[in-house]
N, C-alpha and C. Protein backbone atom coordinates (compact mmCIF):
# COMPACT_ATOMS: atom_id res chain seq x y z
N MET A 1 24.13 15.50 -16.98
CA MET A 1 23.11 14.81 -18.08
C MET A 1 22.55 13.67 -16.68
N SER A 2 22.57 13.18 -16.29
CA SER A 2 21.46 12.64 -15.77
C SER A 2 22.09 10.77 -16.33
N SER A 3 22.31 9.97 -16.25
CA SER A 3 22.17 8.36 -16.04
C SER A 3 21.21 8.19 -16.14
N PRO A 4 20.46 6.50 -17.17
CA PRO A 4 19.42 6.14 -17.88
C PRO A 4 19.25 5.30 -15.95
N GLY A 5 20.64 5.02 -15.12
CA GLY A 5 20.16 4.87 -14.01
C GLY A 5 18.68 6.23 -12.62
N GLU A 6 19.21 7.17 -13.13
CA GLU A 6 19.19 8.02 -11.46
C GLU A 6 17.92 8.60 -12.28
N GLU A 7 18.01 8.98 -14.49
CA GLU A 7 15.89 9.86 -14.71
C GLU A 7 15.35 8.17 -13.86
N THR A 8 15.81 6.32 -13.95
CA THR A 8 14.73 5.79 -13.43
C THR A 8 14.21 5.93 -12.50
N ALA A 9 15.73 6.42 -11.36
CA ALA A 9 14.88 6.76 -9.64
C ALA A 9 14.16 7.47 -9.46
N ILE A 10 14.23 8.64 -9.96
CA ILE A 10 13.36 9.50 -10.14
C ILE A 10 12.17 9.07 -10.51
N GLU A 11 11.96 8.78 -11.22
CA GLU A 11 10.29 8.54 -11.58
C GLU A 11 9.42 7.55 -11.00
N ILE A 12 10.29 6.47 -10.04
CA ILE A 12 9.63 5.20 -9.64
C ILE A 12 9.61 5.71 -8.69
N GLU A 13 10.37 7.21 -7.70
CA GLU A 13 10.08 7.70 -6.80
C GLU A 13 8.42 8.62 -7.19
N ARG A 14 8.98 9.75 -7.57
CA ARG A 14 7.43 9.97 -8.17
C ARG A 14 6.23 9.41 -8.91
N PHE A 15 6.38 8.64 -9.31
CA PHE A 15 4.75 6.75 -9.06
C PHE A 15 4.67 7.26 -8.13
N ALA A 16 6.09 7.29 -7.31
CA ALA A 16 5.62 6.22 -5.59
C ALA A 16 4.70 7.44 -4.56
N ARG A 17 5.10 8.81 -5.05
CA ARG A 17 4.16 10.36 -4.60
C ARG A 17 3.08 10.52 -4.99
N ARG A 18 2.69 9.48 -6.17
CA ARG A 18 1.33 10.44 -6.62
C ARG A 18 0.29 8.33 -6.77
N GLY A 19 1.30 7.69 -5.59
CA GLY A 19 0.68 6.44 -4.76
C GLY A 19 -0.12 5.42 -6.40
N TYR A 20 0.78 5.38 -7.59
CA TYR A 20 0.99 4.33 -8.09
C TYR A 20 1.96 3.20 -7.38
N ALA A 21 1.66 1.80 -8.41
CA ALA A 21 2.55 1.01 -7.73
C ALA A 21 3.55 1.02 -8.62
N VAL A 22 5.18 0.09 -8.50
CA VAL A 22 5.69 1.13 -9.57
C VAL A 22 6.30 -0.36 -9.69
N SER A 23 5.83 -0.53 -10.70
CA SER A 23 6.12 -1.73 -12.15
C SER A 23 6.80 -1.01 -13.24
N ASP A 24 7.65 -1.59 -14.66
CA ASP A 24 8.35 -1.91 -15.40
C ASP A 24 6.63 -0.66 -16.72
N ALA A 25 6.98 -0.03 -15.65
CA ALA A 25 5.74 0.83 -17.12
C ALA A 25 6.63 1.72 -17.38
N ASN A 26 6.00 1.63 -19.33
CA ASN A 26 6.76 2.62 -19.73
C ASN A 26 6.82 3.99 -20.18
N ILE A 27 6.80 4.55 -19.20
CA ILE A 27 5.48 5.78 -18.51
C ILE A 27 6.50 6.92 -18.32
N ARG A 28 6.38 8.23 -18.84
CA ARG A 28 7.78 9.82 -17.62
C ARG A 28 6.12 10.00 -17.12
N SER A 29 5.88 9.90 -15.09
CA SER A 29 5.18 10.28 -14.48
C SER A 29 4.42 11.54 -14.79
N ALA A 30 4.78 12.68 -15.50
CA ALA A 30 5.37 13.24 -16.72
C ALA A 30 3.87 13.32 -17.24
N ARG A 31 3.39 11.64 -18.18
CA ARG A 31 2.73 12.01 -18.80
C ARG A 31 1.02 11.75 -18.24
N VAL A 32 1.59 11.20 -17.36
CA VAL A 32 0.64 11.04 -15.73
C VAL A 32 0.17 11.88 -15.83
N TYR A 33 0.93 12.71 -15.29
CA TYR A 33 0.08 14.37 -14.19
C TYR A 33 -0.47 14.50 -15.41
N ARG A 34 -0.43 14.73 -16.36
CA ARG A 34 -0.75 15.15 -17.66
C ARG A 34 -2.10 14.47 -18.14
N MET A 35 -2.21 13.23 -17.85
CA MET A 35 -3.16 11.98 -18.66
C MET A 35 -4.20 13.18 -16.74
N GLN A 36 -3.87 12.69 -16.14
CA GLN A 36 -5.06 13.07 -15.11
C GLN A 36 -5.42 14.68 -15.46
N ALA A 37 -4.81 15.43 -15.47
CA ALA A 37 -5.46 17.11 -15.39
C ALA A 37 -6.20 17.03 -16.62
N GLU A 38 -5.93 16.09 -17.68
CA GLU A 38 -7.28 15.97 -18.64
C GLU A 38 -8.35 15.71 -18.63
N THR A 39 -8.21 14.71 -17.24
CA THR A 39 -9.62 14.24 -16.88
C THR A 39 -10.32 15.81 -16.02
N GLY A 40 -9.76 16.01 -15.13
CA GLY A 40 -9.95 17.48 -14.73
C GLY A 40 -10.92 17.80 -13.33
N ASP A 41 -10.21 16.07 -12.51
CA ASP A 41 -10.17 15.80 -11.49
C ASP A 41 -9.37 14.71 -10.83
N SER A 42 -8.12 14.93 -10.19
CA SER A 42 -7.04 14.08 -9.74
C SER A 42 -7.20 13.33 -8.83
N SER A 43 -8.50 12.91 -7.69
CA SER A 43 -8.84 12.52 -7.40
C SER A 43 -9.41 10.54 -7.44
N LEU A 44 -10.47 11.22 -8.75
CA LEU A 44 -10.56 10.18 -10.07
C LEU A 44 -9.93 9.31 -9.87
N PRO A 45 -10.13 6.96 -10.03
CA PRO A 45 -8.84 7.03 -10.26
C PRO A 45 -8.20 7.02 -12.25
N LEU A 46 -7.67 6.86 -12.25
CA LEU A 46 -6.63 6.84 -14.37
C LEU A 46 -7.96 6.19 -15.58
N GLU A 47 -8.21 5.78 -15.28
CA GLU A 47 -8.16 4.82 -17.15
C GLU A 47 -8.52 5.33 -17.88
N TYR A 48 -6.88 4.67 -18.37
CA TYR A 48 -6.42 4.68 -20.54
C TYR A 48 -7.19 3.30 -21.03
N SER A 49 -6.82 3.84 -22.33
CA SER A 49 -6.43 2.55 -22.75
C SER A 49 -6.76 3.27 -24.41
N THR A 50 -5.81 2.24 -25.43
CA THR A 50 -6.32 2.61 -26.97
C THR A 50 -6.33 1.67 -27.35
N LEU A 51 -7.89 1.50 -27.10
CA LEU A 51 -8.23 1.03 -27.89
C LEU A 51 -9.31 1.26 -28.37
N PRO A 52 -10.19 2.30 -29.78
CA PRO A 52 -11.06 2.37 -30.23
C PRO A 52 -12.27 1.95 -30.52
N PRO A 53 -13.03 3.56 -29.94
CA PRO A 53 -14.16 3.40 -29.24
C PRO A 53 -15.03 1.87 -30.44
N GLU A 54 -15.61 1.17 -30.63
CA GLU A 54 -15.49 0.36 -31.44
C GLU A 54 -15.30 -1.09 -30.52
N ASP A 55 -14.30 -0.99 -29.91
CA ASP A 55 -13.31 -2.23 -29.67
C ASP A 55 -14.11 -2.20 -27.89
N GLU A 56 -14.47 -0.88 -27.27
CA GLU A 56 -14.04 -1.60 -25.93
C GLU A 56 -14.66 -2.34 -24.83
N TRP A 57 -15.41 -3.59 -25.80
CA TRP A 57 -16.33 -4.40 -25.50
C TRP A 57 -15.41 -5.56 -24.78
N ILE A 58 -13.90 -4.96 -25.78
CA ILE A 58 -13.25 -6.16 -25.05
C ILE A 58 -12.63 -5.73 -23.48
N SER A 59 -12.55 -4.71 -23.79
CA SER A 59 -11.99 -3.96 -22.08
C SER A 59 -13.10 -4.35 -20.99
N ASP A 60 -14.68 -4.67 -21.93
CA ASP A 60 -15.60 -4.60 -20.43
C ASP A 60 -15.41 -6.36 -20.26
N LEU A 61 -14.83 -7.23 -21.14
CA LEU A 61 -15.02 -8.86 -21.08
C LEU A 61 -14.57 -9.27 -20.20
N VAL A 62 -13.06 -7.93 -20.26
CA VAL A 62 -12.41 -8.14 -19.52
C VAL A 62 -12.00 -8.66 -17.89
N LEU A 63 -12.86 -6.88 -17.51
CA LEU A 63 -13.41 -6.70 -16.38
C LEU A 63 -14.13 -7.13 -16.39
N VAL A 64 -14.83 -7.90 -15.79
CA VAL A 64 -15.79 -8.38 -15.85
C VAL A 64 -15.35 -9.73 -15.21
N THR A 65 -14.87 -11.15 -16.73
CA THR A 65 -13.71 -11.98 -16.68
C THR A 65 -13.32 -11.97 -15.01
N TRP A 66 -12.01 -11.50 -15.28
CA TRP A 66 -11.80 -10.66 -13.89
C TRP A 66 -11.81 -10.78 -12.67
N ALA A 67 -13.73 -9.60 -12.15
CA ALA A 67 -13.87 -9.52 -11.16
C ALA A 67 -14.92 -11.16 -10.97
N LYS A 68 -15.30 -11.86 -11.86
CA LYS A 68 -15.73 -13.25 -11.40
C LYS A 68 -15.32 -13.98 -10.88
N GLU A 69 -13.65 -14.32 -11.16
CA GLU A 69 -12.55 -14.84 -10.54
C GLU A 69 -12.37 -14.58 -9.07
N GLU A 70 -12.01 -13.16 -9.05
CA GLU A 70 -11.96 -12.83 -7.54
C GLU A 70 -12.09 -12.31 -6.61
N GLY A 71 -13.99 -12.47 -7.00
CA GLY A 71 -14.40 -12.72 -5.96
C GLY A 71 -15.61 -14.41 -5.75
């Protein structure tokens, strides 16, 4: 059995190989792989939201606001 430190090192390596920024994410790379497979095209950026459809306007508002501040 591997230690938590070893498991973390493995997950960091998997994220890096997939081109994702490595941060304190609480998700396993295997789940990211499954989510990409569900999209049908792994070349597209992965977008995932837990917001219900009626609340997607919140995400849109945040994205528009951040885009204005960066530009």
